[in-house]
Amino acid sequence: MNLNLSLTPLISLLAGILILVIPRLLNTIVAIYLIVIGLVGLFGLGAVNFR
């Protein structure tokens, strides 16, 4: 059985939950999110395969 996880939706989900829980950190969370998504796109770490 193979389990394919995509990194981008997991990061988006985590960022959304953090924004809901701590709205004052919106700017910081958005900045970190954009940096991480940029690095994922740059280095091609979009999917992690578990076997």
PDB file of N, CA and C in Angstrom:
ATOM      1  N   MET A   1       0.847  -1.176   0.000  1.00  0.00           N
ATOM      2  CA  MET A   1       0.000   0.000   0.000  1.00  0.00           C
ATOM      3  C   MET A   1       0.890   1.237   0.000  1.00  0.00           C
ATOM      4  N   ASN A   2       0.637   2.142  -0.924  1.00  0.00           N
ATOM      5  CA  ASN A   2       1.396   3.383  -1.007  1.00  0.00           C
ATOM      6  C   ASN A   2       0.550   4.537  -0.501  1.00  0.00           C
ATOM      7  N   LEU A   3       1.178   5.426   0.250  1.00  0.00           N
ATOM      8  CA  LEU A   3       0.508   6.614   0.769  1.00  0.00           C
ATOM      9  C   LEU A   3       1.246   7.824   0.220  1.00  0.00           C
ATOM     10  N   ASN A   4       0.556   8.611  -0.601  1.00  0.00           N
ATOM     11  CA  ASN A   4       1.159   9.801  -1.169  1.00  0.00           C
ATOM     12  C   ASN A   4       0.605  11.032  -0.456  1.00  0.00           C
ATOM     13  N   LEU A   5       1.488  11.791   0.160  1.00  0.00           N
ATOM     14  CA  LEU A   5       1.095  13.027   0.819  1.00  0.00           C
ATOM     15  C   LEU A   5       1.685  14.190   0.041  1.00  0.00           C
ATOM     16  N   SER A   6       0.878  15.191  -0.190  1.00  0.00           N
ATOM     17  CA  SER A   6       1.375  16.384  -0.835  1.00  0.00           C
ATOM     18  C   SER A   6       1.667  17.413   0.255  1.00  0.00           C
ATOM     19  N   LEU A   7       2.803  18.035   0.172  1.00  0.00           N
ATOM     20  CA  LEU A   7       3.260  18.938   1.219  1.00  0.00           C
ATOM     21  C   LEU A   7       2.491  20.256   1.221  1.00  0.00           C
ATOM     22  N   THR A   8       2.154  20.781   0.064  1.00  0.00           N
ATOM     23  CA  THR A   8       1.508  22.086  -0.023  1.00  0.00           C
ATOM     24  C   THR A   8       0.160  22.152   0.695  1.00  0.00           C
ATOM     25  N   PRO A   9      -0.766  21.203   0.493  1.00  0.00           N
ATOM     26  CA  PRO A   9      -2.032  21.279   1.224  1.00  0.00           C
ATOM     27  C   PRO A   9      -1.876  21.135   2.736  1.00  0.00           C
ATOM     28  N   LEU A  10      -0.919  20.351   3.171  1.00  0.00           N
ATOM     29  CA  LEU A  10      -0.692  20.210   4.611  1.00  0.00           C
ATOM     30  C   LEU A  10      -0.218  21.523   5.224  1.00  0.00           C
ATOM     31  N   ILE A  11       0.673  22.220   4.527  1.00  0.00           N
ATOM     32  CA  ILE A  11       1.153  23.511   5.009  1.00  0.00           C
ATOM     33  C   ILE A  11       0.021  24.527   5.016  1.00  0.00           C
ATOM     34  N   SER A  12      -0.809  24.501   3.981  1.00  0.00           N
ATOM     35  CA  SER A  12      -1.949  25.425   3.909  1.00  0.00           C
ATOM     36  C   SER A  12      -2.926  25.179   5.054  1.00  0.00           C
ATOM     37  N   LEU A  13      -3.201  23.923   5.337  1.00  0.00           N
ATOM     38  CA  LEU A  13      -4.109  23.577   6.424  1.00  0.00           C
ATOM     39  C   LEU A  13      -3.564  24.049   7.766  1.00  0.00           C
ATOM     40  N   LEU A  14      -2.296  23.812   8.009  1.00  0.00           N
ATOM     41  CA  LEU A  14      -1.672  24.246   9.251  1.00  0.00           C
ATOM     42  C   LEU A  14      -1.696  25.772   9.377  1.00  0.00           C
ATOM     43  N   ALA A  15      -1.387  26.471   8.299  1.00  0.00           N
ATOM     44  CA  ALA A  15      -1.405  27.936   8.331  1.00  0.00           C
ATOM     45  C   ALA A  15      -2.818  28.453   8.605  1.00  0.00           C
ATOM     46  N   GLY A  16      -3.824  27.852   7.981  1.00  0.00           N
ATOM     47  CA  GLY A  16      -5.206  28.274   8.208  1.00  0.00           C
ATOM     48  C   GLY A  16      -5.649  28.060   9.639  1.00  0.00           C
ATOM     49  N   ILE A  17      -5.279  26.939  10.221  1.00  0.00           N
ATOM     50  CA  ILE A  17      -5.645  26.664  11.618  1.00  0.00           C
ATOM     51  C   ILE A  17      -4.962  27.662  12.550  1.00  0.00           C
ATOM     52  N   LEU A  18      -3.685  27.934  12.298  1.00  0.00           N
ATOM     53  CA  LEU A  18      -2.970  28.891  13.143  1.00  0.00           C
ATOM     54  C   LEU A  18      -3.569  30.290  13.037  1.00  0.00           C
ATOM     55  N   ILE A  19      -4.000  30.693  11.841  1.00  0.00           N
ATOM     56  CA  ILE A  19      -4.619  32.004  11.669  1.00  0.00           C
ATOM     57  C   ILE A  19      -5.943  32.070  12.421  1.00  0.00           C
ATOM     58  N   LEU A  20      -6.708  30.992  12.416  1.00  0.00           N
ATOM     59  CA  LEU A  20      -7.966  30.978  13.162  1.00  0.00           C
ATOM     60  C   LEU A  20      -7.731  31.034  14.670  1.00  0.00           C
ATOM     61  N   VAL A  21      -6.712  30.328  15.140  1.00  0.00           N
ATOM     62  CA  VAL A  21      -6.459  30.259  16.575  1.00  0.00           C
ATOM     63  C   VAL A  21      -5.804  31.547  17.086  1.00  0.00           C
ATOM     64  N   ILE A  22      -4.839  32.066  16.316  1.00  0.00           N
ATOM     65  CA  ILE A  22      -4.085  33.247  16.756  1.00  0.00           C
ATOM     66  C   ILE A  22      -4.096  34.289  15.635  1.00  0.00           C
ATOM     67  N   PRO A  23      -5.176  35.068  15.509  1.00  0.00           N
ATOM     68  CA  PRO A  23      -5.284  36.017  14.391  1.00  0.00           C
ATOM     69  C   PRO A  23      -4.207  37.101  14.389  1.00  0.00           C
ATOM     70  N   ARG A  24      -3.615  37.407  15.535  1.00  0.00           N
ATOM     71  CA  ARG A  24      -2.582  38.446  15.594  1.00  0.00           C
ATOM     72  C   ARG A  24      -1.320  38.047  14.840  1.00  0.00           C
ATOM     73  N   LEU A  25      -1.132  36.767  14.608  1.00  0.00           N
ATOM     74  CA  LEU A  25       0.064  36.297  13.905  1.00  0.00           C
ATOM     75  C   LEU A  25      -0.139  36.194  12.395  1.00  0.00           C
ATOM     76  N   LEU A  26      -1.174  36.827  11.873  1.00  0.00           N
ATOM     77  CA  LEU A  26      -1.513  36.685  10.454  1.00  0.00           C
ATOM     78  C   LEU A  26      -0.344  37.051   9.549  1.00  0.00           C
ATOM     79  N   ASN A  27       0.287  38.192   9.762  1.00  0.00           N
ATOM     80  CA  ASN A  27       1.392  38.616   8.891  1.00  0.00           C
ATOM     81  C   ASN A  27       2.552  37.635   8.931  1.00  0.00           C
ATOM     82  N   THR A  28       2.892  37.168  10.127  1.00  0.00           N
ATOM     83  CA  THR A  28       4.003  36.233  10.269  1.00  0.00           C
ATOM     84  C   THR A  28       3.689  34.895   9.613  1.00  0.00           C
ATOM     85  N   ILE A  29       2.475  34.399   9.829  1.00  0.00           N
ATOM     86  CA  ILE A  29       2.085  33.105   9.258  1.00  0.00           C
ATOM     87  C   ILE A  29       2.062  33.183   7.734  1.00  0.00           C
ATOM     88  N   VAL A  30       1.521  34.269   7.188  1.00  0.00           N
ATOM     89  CA  VAL A  30       1.469  34.420   5.731  1.00  0.00           C
ATOM     90  C   VAL A  30       2.882  34.512   5.160  1.00  0.00           C
ATOM     91  N   ALA A  31       3.763  35.245   5.819  1.00  0.00           N
ATOM     92  CA  ALA A  31       5.141  35.363   5.334  1.00  0.00           C
ATOM     93  C   ALA A  31       5.847  34.006   5.347  1.00  0.00           C
ATOM     94  N   ILE A  32       5.719  33.271   6.440  1.00  0.00           N
ATOM     95  CA  ILE A  32       6.344  31.946   6.523  1.00  0.00           C
ATOM     96  C   ILE A  32       5.749  31.010   5.484  1.00  0.00           C
ATOM     97  N   TYR A  33       4.421  31.072   5.308  1.00  0.00           N
ATOM     98  CA  TYR A  33       3.748  30.231   4.313  1.00  0.00           C
ATOM     99  C   TYR A  33       4.298  30.504   2.917  1.00  0.00           C
ATOM    100  N   LEU A  34       4.418  31.774   2.557  1.00  0.00           N
ATOM    101  CA  LEU A  34       4.908  32.120   1.224  1.00  0.00           C
ATOM    102  C   LEU A  34       6.345  31.670   1.022  1.00  0.00           C
ATOM    103  N   ILE A  35       7.168  31.797   2.045  1.00  0.00           N
ATOM    104  CA  ILE A  35       8.558  31.344   1.941  1.00  0.00           C
ATOM    105  C   ILE A  35       8.619  29.832   1.760  1.00  0.00           C
ATOM    106  N   VAL A  36       7.849  29.097   2.564  1.00  0.00           N
ATOM    107  CA  VAL A  36       7.866  27.625   2.476  1.00  0.00           C
ATOM    108  C   VAL A  36       7.335  27.158   1.126  1.00  0.00           C
ATOM    109  N   ILE A  37       6.235  27.750   0.657  1.00  0.00           N
ATOM    110  CA  ILE A  37       5.675  27.350  -0.637  1.00  0.00           C
ATOM    111  C   ILE A  37       6.648  27.671  -1.765  1.00  0.00           C
ATOM    112  N   GLY A  38       7.335  28.803  -1.648  1.00  0.00           N
ATOM    113  CA  GLY A  38       8.349  29.145  -2.645  1.00  0.00           C
ATOM    114  C   GLY A  38       9.483  28.144  -2.671  1.00  0.00           C
ATOM    115  N   LEU A  39       9.943  27.726  -1.495  1.00  0.00           N
ATOM    116  CA  LEU A  39      11.018  26.732  -1.428  1.00  0.00           C
ATOM    117  C   LEU A  39      10.563  25.376  -1.952  1.00  0.00           C
ATOM    118  N   VAL A  40       9.325  25.006  -1.633  1.00  0.00           N
ATOM    119  CA  VAL A  40       8.788  23.737  -2.137  1.00  0.00           C
ATOM    120  C   VAL A  40       8.741  23.763  -3.665  1.00  0.00           C
ATOM    121  N   GLY A  41       8.287  24.863  -4.225  1.00  0.00           N
ATOM    122  CA  GLY A  41       8.231  24.977  -5.676  1.00  0.00           C
ATOM    123  C   GLY A  41       9.604  25.021  -6.311  1.00  0.00           C
ATOM    124  N   LEU A  42      10.541  25.667  -5.632  1.00  0.00           N
ATOM    125  CA  LEU A  42      11.885  25.817  -6.173  1.00  0.00           C
ATOM    126  C   LEU A  42      12.638  24.498  -6.190  1.00  0.00           C
ATOM    127  N   PHE A  43      12.535  23.753  -5.110  1.00  0.00           N
ATOM    128  CA  PHE A  43      13.297  22.512  -4.994  1.00  0.00           C
ATOM    129  C   PHE A  43      12.488  21.262  -5.327  1.00  0.00           C
ATOM    130  N   GLY A  44      11.217  21.411  -5.675  1.00  0.00           N
ATOM    131  CA  GLY A  44      10.416  20.283  -6.108  1.00  0.00           C
ATOM    132  C   GLY A  44      10.096  19.281  -5.026  1.00  0.00           C
ATOM    133  N   LEU A  45       9.816  19.749  -3.828  1.00  0.00           N
ATOM    134  CA  LEU A  45       9.487  18.846  -2.727  1.00  0.00           C
ATOM    135  C   LEU A  45       7.973  18.739  -2.557  1.00  0.00           C
ATOM    136  N   GLY A  46       7.228  18.734  -3.650  1.00  0.00           N
ATOM    137  CA  GLY A  46       5.770  18.777  -3.587  1.00  0.00           C
ATOM    138  C   GLY A  46       5.115  17.542  -3.064  1.00  0.00           C
ATOM    139  N   ALA A  47       5.723  16.384  -3.215  1.00  0.00           N
ATOM    140  CA  ALA A  47       5.087  15.151  -2.774  1.00  0.00           C
ATOM    141  C   ALA A  47       6.103  14.278  -2.036  1.00  0.00           C
ATOM    142  N   VAL A  48       5.648  13.688  -0.962  1.00  0.00           N
ATOM    143  CA  VAL A  48       6.468  12.779  -0.174  1.00  0.00           C
ATOM    144  C   VAL A  48       5.827  11.406  -0.268  1.00  0.00           C
ATOM    145  N   ASN A  49       6.592  10.401  -0.643  1.00  0.00           N
ATOM    146  CA  ASN A  49       6.048   9.045  -0.787  1.00  0.00           C
ATOM    147  C   ASN A  49       6.465   8.180   0.387  1.00  0.00           C
ATOM    148  N   PHE A  50       5.469   7.554   1.003  1.00  0.00           N
ATOM    149  CA  PHE A  50       5.715   6.602   2.085  1.00  0.00           C
ATOM    150  C   PHE A  50       5.362   5.211   1.596  1.00  0.00           C
ATOM    151  N   ARG A  51       6.198   4.242   1.895  1.00  0.00           N
ATOM    152  CA  ARG A  51       5.924   2.861   1.481  1.00  0.00           C
ATOM    153  C   ARG A  51       5.800   1.969   2.668  1.00  0.00           C
TER     154      ARG A  51
END
